[in-house]
């Protein structure tokens, strides 16, 4: 009768332990003939007493310890324990961390969960981008109250590109085109004025951009959209709205989106 084979593994981490879990899964896939694999995970280990207790249990059960510890002090506890007792262990973090430190001269942070933090930042940014798309161009005024910034302006003042740029910096941004004939949504009157950003520009500049837009669409001829008197009327209306709402105003003439975004972030820091 064939003897059953079993692999005992203890994952020890000062964070969640997912990194070790993924590597173990990849390694164990190379051993389809092992009858049983017992994997126990010990996350958020941050002191010597807890680590030593787990290592003693691993030694008793003849388990291999798979460690993803960023704390140099805890790694030293693991190394010393193994040297004294003969415990088998694999340290996934220290060799590469030491190599990179040696090559670059940069000292590692030794911050547990740093990868999780990066992942969370990524998902926050994605959520902000989805928010900006959902509440672009006044599609749903209910988004105003949830926004970090509500951007107002007449057509062709870079509201959407600015919203997307700020969303990529994890801000929740909505925007609304200002049209004299269209009443302001009630929700706009219910949000703090320091969240409201007004974009304005010289009417002649707006005219040039709108004419270029029409040409790009293959449209020509007379159009109220590209009429200078109409644009002046829109700009004046927008400036009246900004005053009424006590909005923070940015003149976007000749400004890159990045410059405008930096000004808006400055508003936020000063409020």
Protein backbone atom coordinates (compact mmCIF):
# COMPACT_ATOMS: atom_id res chain seq x y z
CA UNK A 1 0.00 0.00 0.00
CA UNK A 2 1.34 3.39 -0.98
CA UNK A 3 2.22 5.66 1.93
CA UNK A 4 0.19 8.89 2.00
CA UNK A 5 2.17 12.06 1.46
CA UNK A 6 1.30 15.27 3.25
CA UNK A 7 2.75 18.78 3.17
CA UNK A 8 2.33 21.01 6.21
CA UNK A 9 2.88 24.72 5.65
CA UNK A 10 2.54 27.66 8.03
CA UNK A 11 2.18 31.11 6.47
CA UNK A 12 3.46 33.82 8.79
CA UNK A 13 2.97 37.46 7.83
CA UNK A 14 2.84 40.88 9.46
CA UNK A 15 0.13 41.71 6.91
CA UNK A 16 -2.58 39.50 5.37
CA UNK A 17 -0.35 36.74 4.00
CA UNK A 18 -1.83 36.72 0.49
CA UNK A 19 1.58 37.03 -1.17
CA UNK A 20 2.79 33.79 0.42
CA UNK A 21 -0.53 32.09 -0.31
CA UNK A 22 -0.23 32.83 -4.03
CA UNK A 23 3.36 31.59 -4.24
CA UNK A 24 2.49 28.42 -2.31
CA UNK A 25 -0.41 27.74 -4.68
CA UNK A 26 1.93 28.08 -7.66
CA UNK A 27 4.53 25.79 -6.07
CA UNK A 28 2.07 23.12 -4.93
CA UNK A 29 0.63 22.94 -8.44
CA UNK A 30 3.95 21.29 -9.32
CA UNK A 31 3.24 18.44 -6.89
CA UNK A 32 0.01 16.78 -8.07
CA UNK A 33 1.06 13.49 -6.43
CA UNK A 34 1.06 14.89 -2.90
CA UNK A 35 -2.04 13.46 -1.25
CA UNK A 36 -2.77 16.25 1.22
CA UNK A 37 -1.64 19.82 1.75
CA UNK A 38 -2.39 21.52 5.06
CA UNK A 39 -1.87 25.28 4.87
CA UNK A 40 -2.40 27.41 7.96
CA UNK A 41 -2.20 31.17 7.72
CA UNK A 42 -1.16 33.46 10.60
CA UNK A 43 -1.71 37.09 9.54
CA UNK A 44 -0.89 40.37 11.29
CA UNK A 45 1.92 38.97 13.43
CA UNK A 46 3.63 42.02 14.94
CA UNK A 47 5.40 40.90 18.10
CA UNK A 48 8.07 38.41 19.12
CA UNK A 49 5.90 36.44 21.56
CA UNK A 50 3.21 35.58 18.99
CA UNK A 51 5.79 34.72 16.35
CA UNK A 52 7.76 32.45 18.70
CA UNK A 53 4.61 30.58 19.73
CA UNK A 54 3.68 29.94 16.09
CA UNK A 55 7.20 28.81 15.23
CA UNK A 56 7.16 26.36 18.14
CA UNK A 57 3.88 24.89 16.87
CA UNK A 58 5.34 24.60 13.37
CA UNK A 59 8.37 22.76 14.73
CA UNK A 60 6.12 20.36 16.65
CA UNK A 61 4.06 19.61 13.52
CA UNK A 62 7.14 19.39 11.27
CA UNK A 63 5.72 22.17 9.11
CA UNK A 64 7.57 24.41 6.70
CA UNK A 65 7.20 28.07 7.65
CA UNK A 66 6.62 30.41 4.71
CA UNK A 67 7.29 33.97 5.86
CA UNK A 68 6.44 37.34 4.36
CA UNK A 69 7.68 39.57 7.16
CA UNK A 70 8.89 43.09 6.40
CA UNK A 71 10.00 43.85 9.96
CA UNK A 72 13.71 43.16 10.23
CA UNK A 73 13.31 42.48 13.98
CA UNK A 74 10.75 39.73 13.34
CA UNK A 75 12.87 38.21 10.58
CA UNK A 76 15.76 38.04 13.07
CA UNK A 77 13.51 36.16 15.53
CA UNK A 78 12.68 33.67 12.77
CA UNK A 79 16.32 33.23 11.75
CA UNK A 80 17.50 32.72 15.33
CA UNK A 81 14.71 30.23 16.10
CA UNK A 82 15.53 28.20 12.99
CA UNK A 83 19.24 28.18 13.79
CA UNK A 84 18.56 26.88 17.31
CA UNK A 85 15.93 24.27 16.44
CA UNK A 86 16.46 23.29 12.81
CA UNK A 87 13.01 24.60 11.80
CA UNK A 88 12.59 24.68 8.01
CA UNK A 89 11.51 28.06 6.67
CA UNK A 90 11.41 30.15 3.52
CA UNK A 91 11.66 33.94 3.74
CA UNK A 92 10.20 35.45 0.58
CA UNK A 93 10.85 39.09 1.42
CA UNK A 94 14.30 39.55 2.93
CA UNK A 95 16.65 38.29 0.14
CA UNK A 96 15.10 40.48 -2.56
CA UNK A 97 14.66 43.44 -0.21
CA UNK A 98 18.32 43.20 0.80
CA UNK A 99 19.43 42.91 -2.83
CA UNK A 100 17.43 45.98 -3.92
CA UNK A 101 18.70 47.97 -0.94
CA UNK A 102 22.27 47.02 -1.85
CA UNK A 103 21.81 47.97 -5.52
CA UNK A 104 20.03 51.29 -4.87
CA UNK A 105 21.19 52.40 -1.44
CA UNK A 106 17.55 53.09 -0.54
CA UNK A 107 16.37 51.95 2.90
CA UNK A 108 13.10 49.93 2.83
CA UNK A 109 10.10 51.28 4.76
CA UNK A 110 9.42 48.00 6.57
CA UNK A 111 5.72 48.89 6.32
CA UNK A 112 3.38 45.88 6.70
CA UNK A 113 0.49 45.86 4.22
CA UNK A 114 2.10 48.34 1.82
CA UNK A 115 0.92 46.28 -1.17
CA UNK A 116 -2.64 46.31 0.16
CA UNK A 117 -2.38 50.06 0.55
CA UNK A 118 -1.32 50.38 -3.10
CA UNK A 119 -4.18 48.13 -4.18
CA UNK A 120 -6.66 50.23 -2.20
CA UNK A 121 -5.34 53.40 -3.82
CA UNK A 122 -5.87 51.79 -7.23
CA UNK A 123 -9.47 50.83 -6.49
CA UNK A 124 -10.19 54.29 -5.05
CA UNK A 125 -8.90 55.85 -8.26
CA UNK A 126 -10.99 53.51 -10.43
CA UNK A 127 -14.09 54.36 -8.37
CA UNK A 128 -13.39 58.08 -8.84
CA UNK A 129 -13.07 57.64 -12.61
CA UNK A 130 -16.36 55.72 -12.74
CA UNK A 131 -17.95 58.50 -10.67
CA UNK A 132 -16.69 61.18 -13.08
CA UNK A 133 -18.12 59.30 -16.06
CA UNK A 134 -21.47 58.77 -14.35
CA UNK A 135 -21.85 62.41 -13.34
CA UNK A 136 -20.30 64.04 -16.40
CA UNK A 137 -22.07 66.86 -18.23
CA UNK A 138 -24.89 67.19 -15.68
CA UNK A 139 -26.20 63.67 -16.34
CA UNK A 140 -27.42 63.27 -12.76
CA UNK A 141 -27.44 66.18 -10.33
CA UNK A 142 -27.78 63.78 -7.40
CA UNK A 143 -24.04 63.25 -7.67
CA UNK A 144 -23.29 66.83 -6.61
CA UNK A 145 -23.61 66.14 -2.89
CA UNK A 146 -21.19 63.19 -3.12
CA UNK A 147 -18.59 65.16 -5.08
CA UNK A 148 -15.30 66.54 -3.87
CA UNK A 149 -15.64 69.15 -6.61
CA UNK A 150 -18.55 70.29 -8.78
CA UNK A 151 -17.21 72.00 -11.89
CA UNK A 152 -19.38 74.56 -13.68
CA UNK A 153 -18.81 76.37 -16.94
CA UNK A 154 -20.11 77.08 -20.40
CA UNK A 155 -19.43 74.64 -23.22
CA UNK A 156 -15.75 74.27 -24.26
CA UNK A 157 -14.15 75.36 -20.99
CA UNK A 158 -12.54 71.91 -20.45
CA UNK A 159 -14.96 70.67 -17.79
CA UNK A 160 -14.82 67.01 -18.83
CA UNK A 161 -11.02 66.73 -19.37
CA UNK A 162 -10.48 68.46 -16.03
CA UNK A 163 -12.96 66.15 -14.29
CA UNK A 164 -11.19 63.08 -15.65
CA UNK A 165 -7.75 64.42 -14.74
CA UNK A 166 -8.85 65.05 -11.14
CA UNK A 167 -10.56 61.64 -11.04
CA UNK A 168 -7.21 60.07 -11.92
CA UNK A 169 -5.96 61.71 -8.72
CA UNK A 170 -8.83 59.97 -6.85
CA UNK A 171 -11.11 63.00 -6.49
CA UNK A 172 -14.83 62.47 -7.01
CA UNK A 173 -15.82 65.12 -9.55
CA UNK A 174 -19.08 66.01 -11.28
CA UNK A 175 -19.62 68.79 -13.78
CA UNK A 176 -22.48 70.83 -15.19
CA UNK A 177 -22.69 72.90 -18.37
CA UNK A 178 -24.19 76.34 -17.76
CA UNK A 179 -26.85 77.35 -20.28
CA UNK A 180 -28.87 80.55 -19.72
CA UNK A 181 -32.17 78.89 -20.70
CA UNK A 182 -31.72 75.90 -18.37
CA UNK A 183 -32.51 76.42 -14.66
CA UNK A 184 -29.90 75.37 -12.13
CA UNK A 185 -30.61 72.06 -10.36
CA UNK A 186 -31.84 72.50 -6.78
CA UNK A 187 -29.04 70.21 -5.55
CA UNK A 188 -26.47 72.81 -6.60
CA UNK A 189 -27.84 75.22 -4.01
CA UNK A 190 -27.44 72.67 -1.23
CA UNK A 191 -23.69 71.99 -1.40
CA UNK A 192 -20.88 73.98 0.26
CA UNK A 193 -19.55 76.78 -1.92
CA UNK A 194 -15.95 75.63 -1.43
CA UNK A 195 -16.77 72.53 -3.50
CA UNK A 196 -18.03 74.59 -6.44
CA UNK A 197 -15.48 75.45 -9.12
CA UNK A 198 -16.36 77.90 -11.87
CA UNK A 199 -14.44 77.81 -15.15
CA UNK A 200 -14.46 80.86 -17.36
CA UNK A 201 -12.54 82.05 -20.42
CA UNK A 202 -12.33 84.87 -22.90
CA UNK A 203 -15.31 84.69 -25.30
CA UNK A 204 -13.02 84.99 -28.33
CA UNK A 205 -11.05 81.96 -27.18
CA UNK A 206 -14.24 79.98 -26.64
CA UNK A 207 -15.40 81.01 -30.12
CA UNK A 208 -12.20 79.68 -31.69
CA UNK A 209 -12.53 76.35 -29.88
CA UNK A 210 -16.20 75.98 -30.80
CA UNK A 211 -15.56 76.77 -34.45
CA UNK A 212 -12.83 74.14 -34.50
CA UNK A 213 -15.23 71.68 -32.88
CA UNK A 214 -17.89 72.33 -35.54
CA UNK A 215 -15.35 71.99 -38.34
CA UNK A 216 -14.20 68.69 -36.88
CA UNK A 217 -17.79 67.46 -37.02
CA UNK A 218 -18.10 68.58 -40.63
CA UNK A 219 -20.57 71.33 -39.73
CA UNK A 220 -20.42 74.88 -41.01
CA UNK A 221 -22.57 77.93 -41.52
CA UNK A 222 -24.31 80.13 -38.98
CA UNK A 223 -24.76 78.57 -35.55
CA UNK A 224 -25.77 80.10 -32.23
CA UNK A 225 -23.21 77.75 -30.65
CA UNK A 226 -20.40 79.61 -32.45
CA UNK A 227 -21.87 83.13 -32.35
CA UNK A 228 -19.71 85.62 -30.45
CA UNK A 229 -22.65 87.58 -29.02
CA UNK A 230 -24.27 84.39 -27.79
CA UNK A 231 -20.99 83.27 -26.21
CA UNK A 232 -20.63 86.63 -24.43
CA UNK A 233 -24.14 86.17 -23.08
CA UNK A 234 -23.29 82.66 -21.84
CA UNK A 235 -20.06 83.80 -20.19
CA UNK A 236 -21.85 86.66 -18.43
CA UNK A 237 -24.56 84.27 -17.24
CA UNK A 238 -21.92 81.85 -15.96
CA UNK A 239 -20.12 84.60 -14.05
CA UNK A 240 -23.43 85.67 -12.47
CA UNK A 241 -23.99 82.05 -11.37
CA UNK A 242 -20.48 81.86 -9.90
CA UNK A 243 -21.16 85.03 -7.90
CA UNK A 244 -24.53 83.75 -6.70
CA UNK A 245 -23.03 80.44 -5.54
CA UNK A 246 -19.83 82.03 -4.20
CA UNK A 247 -17.89 79.62 -6.42
CA UNK A 248 -14.12 79.56 -6.65
CA UNK A 249 -13.31 80.72 -10.17
CA UNK A 250 -10.49 79.77 -12.51
CA UNK A 251 -9.82 81.59 -15.78
CA UNK A 252 -8.73 78.79 -18.09
CA UNK A 253 -7.36 80.90 -20.96
CA UNK A 254 -4.12 79.27 -22.18
CA UNK A 255 -3.99 76.96 -19.15
CA UNK A 256 -3.26 73.27 -19.47
CA UNK A 257 -5.62 70.95 -17.64
CA UNK A 258 -2.79 70.10 -15.25
CA UNK A 259 -2.37 73.78 -14.32
CA UNK A 260 -6.08 74.24 -13.67
CA UNK A 261 -6.16 71.07 -11.57
CA UNK A 262 -3.22 72.33 -9.48
CA UNK A 263 -5.07 75.59 -8.81
CA UNK A 264 -8.18 73.67 -7.72
CA UNK A 265 -6.15 71.44 -5.41
CA UNK A 266 -4.69 74.64 -3.96
CA UNK A 267 -8.22 75.87 -3.23
CA UNK A 268 -8.91 72.64 -1.35
CA UNK A 269 -5.77 72.95 0.76
CA UNK A 270 -6.52 76.56 1.70
CA UNK A 271 -10.14 75.92 2.76
